[in-house]
C-alpha atoms as a PDB file:
ATOM      1  CA  MET A   1       9.838  -7.175 -29.780  1.00  0.00           C
ATOM      2  CA  VAL A   2       9.829  -6.504 -25.947  1.00  0.00           C
ATOM      3  CA  GLN A   3       8.170  -9.406 -24.073  1.00  0.00           C
ATOM      4  CA  THR A   4       6.526  -8.389 -20.614  1.00  0.00           C
ATOM      5  CA  THR A   5       5.676 -10.973 -17.988  1.00  0.00           C
ATOM      6  CA  ILE A   6       2.882 -10.845 -15.548  1.00  0.00           C
ATOM      7  CA  PRO A   7       4.259 -11.226 -12.101  1.00  0.00           C
ATOM      8  CA  ARG A   8       2.918 -14.463 -10.447  1.00  0.00           C
ATOM      9  CA  ASN A   9       3.173 -12.954  -7.005  1.00  0.00           C
ATOM     10  CA  ILE A  10       0.756 -10.249  -5.783  1.00  0.00           C
ATOM     11  CA  VAL A  11       1.226  -8.414  -2.397  1.00  0.00           C
ATOM     12  CA  PHE A  12      -1.590  -6.346  -1.318  1.00  0.00           C
ATOM     13  CA  ASP A  13      -1.830  -3.656   1.306  1.00  0.00           C
ATOM     14  CA  VAL A  14      -4.649  -4.074   3.664  1.00  0.00           C
ATOM     15  CA  TYR A  15      -5.939  -0.760   5.030  1.00  0.00           C
ATOM     16  CA  GLU A  16      -7.816   1.322   2.462  1.00  0.00           C
ATOM     17  CA  THR A  17      -6.675  -1.109  -0.361  1.00  0.00           C
ATOM     18  CA  LEU A  18      -8.807  -4.083   0.606  1.00  0.00           C
ATOM     19  CA  LEU A  19     -10.490  -2.823   3.679  1.00  0.00           C
ATOM     20  CA  ASP A  20     -13.182   0.143   3.521  1.00  0.00           C
ATOM     21  CA  MET A  21     -11.998   2.843   6.038  1.00  0.00           C
ATOM     22  CA  ASN A  22     -15.203   4.940   5.581  1.00  0.00           C
ATOM     23  CA  GLU A  23     -16.308   3.918   9.187  1.00  0.00           C
ATOM     24  CA  VAL A  24     -13.187   4.951  10.604  1.00  0.00           C
ATOM     25  CA  GLU A  25     -13.231   8.255   9.014  1.00  0.00           C
ATOM     26  CA  LYS A  26     -16.808   8.902   9.857  1.00  0.00           C
ATOM     27  CA  LYS A  27     -16.006   8.081  13.448  1.00  0.00           C
ATOM     28  CA  VAL A  28     -12.825  10.154  13.640  1.00  0.00           C
ATOM     29  CA  ASN A  29     -14.502  13.260  12.037  1.00  0.00           C
ATOM     30  CA  ASN A  30     -17.210  13.052  14.607  1.00  0.00           C
ATOM     31  CA  LEU A  31     -14.686  12.703  17.317  1.00  0.00           C
ATOM     32  CA  LEU A  32     -12.714  15.726  16.302  1.00  0.00           C
ATOM     33  CA  ASP A  33     -15.813  17.603  15.130  1.00  0.00           C
ATOM     34  CA  SER A  34     -14.438  18.465  11.688  1.00  0.00           C
ATOM     35  CA  LYS A  35     -14.904  17.115   8.213  1.00  0.00           C
ATOM     36  CA  ARG A  36     -10.896  17.202   8.069  1.00  0.00           C
ATOM     37  CA  GLY A  37     -10.350  15.260  11.260  1.00  0.00           C
ATOM     38  CA  TYR A  38      -9.690  11.934   9.629  1.00  0.00           C
ATOM     39  CA  LEU A  39      -7.340  13.557   7.286  1.00  0.00           C
ATOM     40  CA  ALA A  40      -5.416  15.213   9.757  1.00  0.00           C
ATOM     41  CA  TRP A  41      -4.969  12.388  11.996  1.00  0.00           C
ATOM     42  CA  PHE A  42      -4.051   9.816   9.344  1.00  0.00           C
ATOM     43  CA  ASN A  43      -1.436  12.251   7.981  1.00  0.00           C
ATOM     44  CA  LEU A  44      -0.061  12.663  11.420  1.00  0.00           C
ATOM     45  CA  PHE A  45      -0.246   8.809  12.108  1.00  0.00           C
ATOM     46  CA  MET A  46       1.721   8.091   8.823  1.00  0.00           C
ATOM     47  CA  GLN A  47       4.228  10.956   9.462  1.00  0.00           C
ATOM     48  CA  TYR A  48       5.120   9.572  12.714  1.00  0.00           C
ATOM     49  CA  CYS A  49       5.450   5.862  11.384  1.00  0.00           C
ATOM     50  CA  PHE A  50       7.828   7.524   8.940  1.00  0.00           C
ATOM     51  CA  VAL A  51       9.840   9.221  11.576  1.00  0.00           C
ATOM     52  CA  ASP A  52      10.264   6.340  13.580  1.00  0.00           C
ATOM     53  CA  THR A  53      11.550   4.457  10.496  1.00  0.00           C
ATOM     54  CA  CYS A  54      14.035   7.277   9.634  1.00  0.00           C
ATOM     55  CA  ILE A  55      15.441   7.817  13.140  1.00  0.00           C
ATOM     56  CA  ASP A  56      15.918   4.090  13.538  1.00  0.00           C
ATOM     57  CA  GLN A  57      13.453   4.276  16.425  1.00  0.00           C
ATOM     58  CA  PHE A  58      10.355   1.778  16.756  1.00  0.00           C
ATOM     59  CA  ASN A  59       7.027   2.444  18.273  1.00  0.00           C
ATOM     60  CA  ASP A  60       4.127  -0.355  17.548  1.00  0.00           C
ATOM     61  CA  PHE A  61       1.596   0.814  15.311  1.00  0.00           C
ATOM     62  CA  SER A  62      -1.306   1.113  17.820  1.00  0.00           C
ATOM     63  CA  SER A  63       0.938   3.286  20.163  1.00  0.00           C
ATOM     64  CA  ILE A  64       1.539   5.656  17.366  1.00  0.00           C
ATOM     65  CA  ALA A  65      -2.084   5.596  16.536  1.00  0.00           C
ATOM     66  CA  ARG A  66      -2.989   6.513  19.975  1.00  0.00           C
ATOM     67  CA  ALA A  67      -0.341   9.154  20.394  1.00  0.00           C
ATOM     68  CA  THR A  68      -1.409  10.939  17.104  1.00  0.00           C
ATOM     69  CA  MET A  69      -4.924  10.758  17.884  1.00  0.00           C
ATOM     70  CA  GLN A  70      -4.207  12.759  21.004  1.00  0.00           C
ATOM     71  CA  MET A  71      -2.303  15.316  18.746  1.00  0.00           C
ATOM     72  CA  ALA A  72      -5.205  15.627  16.252  1.00  0.00           C
ATOM     73  CA  GLY A  73      -7.422  16.277  19.431  1.00  0.00           C
ATOM     74  CA  LYS A  74      -5.279  19.115  20.332  1.00  0.00           C
ATOM     75  CA  MET A  75      -5.166  20.476  16.707  1.00  0.00           C
ATOM     76  CA  PHE A  76      -8.997  20.358  16.898  1.00  0.00           C
ATOM     77  CA  ALA A  77      -9.378  21.761  20.485  1.00  0.00           C
ATOM     78  CA  ARG A  78     -10.909  18.399  21.519  1.00  0.00           C
ATOM     79  CA  ASP A  79     -10.133  16.296  24.590  1.00  0.00           C
ATOM     80  CA  ILE A  80      -9.612  12.791  23.454  1.00  0.00           C
ATOM     81  CA  ASP A  81      -9.904  10.101  26.086  1.00  0.00           C
ATOM     82  CA  GLU A  82      -8.665   6.396  26.101  1.00  0.00           C
ATOM     83  CA  GLU A  83     -12.112   5.010  25.452  1.00  0.00           C
ATOM     84  CA  ASP A  84     -12.544   7.273  22.533  1.00  0.00           C
ATOM     85  CA  ILE A  85      -9.128   5.991  21.130  1.00  0.00           C
ATOM     86  CA  ASN A  86     -10.044   2.443  21.866  1.00  0.00           C
ATOM     87  CA  GLY A  87     -13.315   2.856  19.994  1.00  0.00           C
ATOM     88  CA  ILE A  88     -11.656   4.031  16.820  1.00  0.00           C
ATOM     89  CA  LEU A  89      -9.085   1.314  16.998  1.00  0.00           C
ATOM     90  CA  GLU A  90     -11.807  -1.564  17.630  1.00  0.00           C
ATOM     91  CA  THR A  91     -13.549  -0.226  14.516  1.00  0.00           C
ATOM     92  CA  LEU A  92     -10.209  -1.022  12.577  1.00  0.00           C
ATOM     93  CA  LYS A  93     -10.712  -4.619  13.582  1.00  0.00           C
ATOM     94  CA  HIS A  94     -14.150  -5.144  11.970  1.00  0.00           C
ATOM     95  CA  LEU A  95     -13.789  -3.105   8.827  1.00  0.00           C
ATOM     96  CA  PRO A  96     -15.917  -4.227   5.847  1.00  0.00           C
ATOM     97  CA  MET A  97     -14.124  -5.152   2.508  1.00  0.00           C
ATOM     98  CA  HIS A  98     -14.299  -2.890  -0.415  1.00  0.00           C
ATOM     99  CA  GLU A  99     -16.965  -4.012  -2.992  1.00  0.00           C
ATOM    100  CA  GLY A 100     -15.348  -6.591  -5.460  1.00  0.00           C
ATOM    101  CA  VAL A 101     -12.359  -7.703  -3.259  1.00  0.00           C
ATOM    102  CA  GLU A 102     -13.341 -11.389  -2.497  1.00  0.00           C
ATOM    103  CA  GLU A 103     -14.270 -11.893  -6.175  1.00  0.00           C
ATOM    104  CA  SER A 104     -11.048 -10.337  -7.475  1.00  0.00           C
ATOM    105  CA  LEU A 105      -9.048 -12.487  -4.922  1.00  0.00           C
ATOM    106  CA  SER A 106     -11.129 -15.615  -6.145  1.00  0.00           C
ATOM    107  CA  LYS A 107     -10.153 -15.061  -9.655  1.00  0.00           C
ATOM    108  CA  LEU A 108      -6.706 -14.520  -8.790  1.00  0.00           C
ATOM    109  CA  THR A 109      -6.284 -17.619  -6.860  1.00  0.00           C
ATOM    110  CA  ASP A 110      -7.905 -19.477  -9.651  1.00  0.00           C
ATOM    111  CA  GLU A 111      -5.546 -18.070 -12.048  1.00  0.00           C
ATOM    112  CA  GLY A 112      -2.661 -19.403  -9.671  1.00  0.00           C
ATOM    113  CA  PHE A 113      -1.293 -16.178  -8.432  1.00  0.00           C
ATOM    114  CA  TYR A 114       0.512 -16.391  -5.038  1.00  0.00           C
ATOM    115  CA  ILE A 115      -1.121 -13.847  -2.983  1.00  0.00           C
ATOM    116  CA  ALA A 116       0.111 -12.242   0.239  1.00  0.00           C
ATOM    117  CA  ALA A 117      -0.613  -9.308   2.421  1.00  0.00           C
ATOM    118  CA  LEU A 118       1.809  -6.611   3.697  1.00  0.00           C
ATOM    119  CA  THR A 119       0.649  -4.356   6.201  1.00  0.00           C
ATOM    120  CA  ASN A 120       2.152  -1.802   8.839  1.00  0.00           C
ATOM    121  CA  SER A 121      -0.120  -3.032  11.758  1.00  0.00           C
ATOM    122  CA  LYS A 122       0.059  -6.038  13.544  1.00  0.00           C
ATOM    123  CA  ALA A 123      -0.245  -9.332  11.589  1.00  0.00           C
ATOM    124  CA  GLN A 124      -2.496 -10.958  14.356  1.00  0.00           C
ATOM    125  CA  ILE A 125      -5.035  -8.155  13.865  1.00  0.00           C
ATOM    126  CA  VAL A 126      -5.043  -8.549  10.072  1.00  0.00           C
ATOM    127  CA  THR A 127      -5.089 -12.188  10.252  1.00  0.00           C
ATOM    128  CA  GLU A 128      -8.003 -12.229  12.857  1.00  0.00           C
ATOM    129  CA  ARG A 129      -9.952  -9.752  10.564  1.00  0.00           C
ATOM    130  CA  MET A 130      -9.329 -11.852   7.550  1.00  0.00           C
ATOM    131  CA  GLU A 131     -10.389 -15.169   9.127  1.00  0.00           C
ATOM    132  CA  ARG A 132     -13.709 -13.530  10.303  1.00  0.00           C
ATOM    133  CA  THR A 133     -14.548 -12.710   6.745  1.00  0.00           C
ATOM    134  CA  GLY A 134     -13.041 -15.863   4.961  1.00  0.00           C
ATOM    135  CA  LEU A 135     -10.580 -13.546   3.084  1.00  0.00           C
ATOM    136  CA  ILE A 136      -7.833 -15.627   4.823  1.00  0.00           C
ATOM    137  CA  SER A 137      -8.235 -18.584   2.343  1.00  0.00           C
ATOM    138  CA  TYR A 138      -6.907 -16.502  -0.484  1.00  0.00           C
ATOM    139  CA  PHE A 139      -3.614 -15.429   1.247  1.00  0.00           C
ATOM    140  CA  LYS A 140      -0.729 -17.491   1.372  1.00  0.00           C
ATOM    141  CA  LYS A 141       0.897 -15.274   3.918  1.00  0.00           C
ATOM    142  CA  VAL A 142       0.261 -12.132   6.042  1.00  0.00           C
ATOM    143  CA  LEU A 143       3.189 -10.122   6.630  1.00  0.00           C
ATOM    144  CA  SER A 144       3.530  -7.222   9.154  1.00  0.00           C
ATOM    145  CA  ALA A 145       6.366  -4.605   8.704  1.00  0.00           C
ATOM    146  CA  GLU A 146       6.378  -4.648  12.633  1.00  0.00           C
ATOM    147  CA  HIS A 147       8.355  -8.042  12.394  1.00  0.00           C
ATOM    148  CA  ILE A 148      11.364  -6.160  11.245  1.00  0.00           C
ATOM    149  CA  LYS A 149      10.621  -2.973  13.341  1.00  0.00           C
ATOM    150  CA  LYS A 150      10.471  -0.624  10.353  1.00  0.00           C
ATOM    151  CA  TYR A 151       7.206   0.856   8.467  1.00  0.00           C
ATOM    152  CA  LYS A 152       6.440   0.819   4.737  1.00  0.00           C
ATOM    153  CA  PRO A 153       7.786   2.768   2.703  1.00  0.00           C
ATOM    154  CA  ASP A 154      11.071   1.633   4.094  1.00  0.00           C
ATOM    155  CA  LEU A 155      13.139  -0.213   1.294  1.00  0.00           C
ATOM    156  CA  ARG A 156      13.841  -3.028   3.829  1.00  0.00           C
ATOM    157  CA  VAL A 157      10.121  -3.835   4.472  1.00  0.00           C
ATOM    158  CA  TYR A 158       9.685  -4.679   0.775  1.00  0.00           C
ATOM    159  CA  GLN A 159      12.775  -6.567   0.664  1.00  0.00           C
ATOM    160  CA  TRP A 160      12.046  -8.783   3.559  1.00  0.00           C
ATOM    161  CA  ALA A 161       8.657  -9.272   2.371  1.00  0.00           C
ATOM    162  CA  ALA A 162      10.238 -10.506  -1.083  1.00  0.00           C
ATOM    163  CA  ARG A 163      12.373 -13.044   1.054  1.00  0.00           C
ATOM    164  CA  GLU A 164       9.459 -14.215   3.109  1.00  0.00           C
ATOM    165  CA  ILE A 165       7.636 -15.207  -0.103  1.00  0.00           C
ATOM    166  CA  ASN A 166      10.717 -16.392  -1.601  1.00  0.00           C
ATOM    167  CA  ALA A 167      10.431 -14.333  -4.813  1.00  0.00           C
ATOM    168  CA  ASP A 168      12.758 -11.775  -6.273  1.00  0.00           C
ATOM    169  CA  PRO A 169      11.271  -8.302  -5.928  1.00  0.00           C
ATOM    170  CA  ARG A 170      10.932  -7.999  -9.970  1.00  0.00           C
ATOM    171  CA  GLU A 171       8.294 -10.871  -9.832  1.00  0.00           C
ATOM    172  CA  ILE A 172       6.127  -9.317  -7.244  1.00  0.00           C
ATOM    173  CA  LEU A 173       3.092  -6.938  -8.063  1.00  0.00           C
ATOM    174  CA  LEU A 174       2.437  -4.618  -5.115  1.00  0.00           C
ATOM    175  CA  VAL A 175      -1.106  -3.395  -5.054  1.00  0.00           C
ATOM    176  CA  SER A 176      -2.009  -0.613  -2.661  1.00  0.00           C
ATOM    177  CA  ALA A 177      -4.183   2.577  -2.110  1.00  0.00           C
ATOM    178  CA  HIS A 178      -1.161   4.738  -0.950  1.00  0.00           C
ATOM    179  CA  GLY A 179       1.118   6.442  -3.381  1.00  0.00           C
ATOM    180  CA  TRP A 180       3.922   6.261  -0.786  1.00  0.00           C
ATOM    181  CA  ASP A 181       3.466   2.514  -0.409  1.00  0.00           C
ATOM    182  CA  ILE A 182       3.643   2.068  -4.374  1.00  0.00           C
ATOM    183  CA  ALA A 183       6.722   4.521  -4.514  1.00  0.00           C
ATOM    184  CA  GLY A 184       8.451   2.276  -1.771  1.00  0.00           C
ATOM    185  CA  GLY A 185       7.665  -0.984  -3.743  1.00  0.00           C
ATOM    186  CA  ALA A 186       9.031   0.578  -6.865  1.00  0.00           C
ATOM    187  CA  ASN A 187      12.191   1.504  -5.094  1.00  0.00           C
ATOM    188  CA  ALA A 188      12.472  -2.078  -3.858  1.00  0.00           C
ATOM    189  CA  GLY A 189      12.188  -3.228  -7.491  1.00  0.00           C
END
């Protein structure tokens, strides 16, 4: 009989996994005057994060967000100014949690799981958001891929995160709303 063990370390992605991006989606769609605007922008955003990692270059997350918002504007023949972009980025700092997140984190904490967050965005922004909602009390660490100047799903991000929480990758469960993130975590063990 094969015995399976439950990993005692859980690493959560933040945006779309814990935090609800619907408000950002609405704002981007309105800005680009298209129901596909958010999807187009988000795909460009992730594509350029991946490109940075693949070509061993690094631009911070908000710079990539800004540049790809401009690109998306061109795709939809819309002029996007700095104020519009700043408004979108500011919304990212105030997103609500998905329903049930706090209760679930509370149960996991009560059961003794080690909980950490791993994000591509700046740790300070995520930490401040979690502090405002009280979510921070559930997390032992908030880790940003920017620390090593690579973005998820790069294998090195997950390896670094495992070292930061002092756990073997096989002892970590990654929770993410993004398939590419899960694939990266699985590749790291």
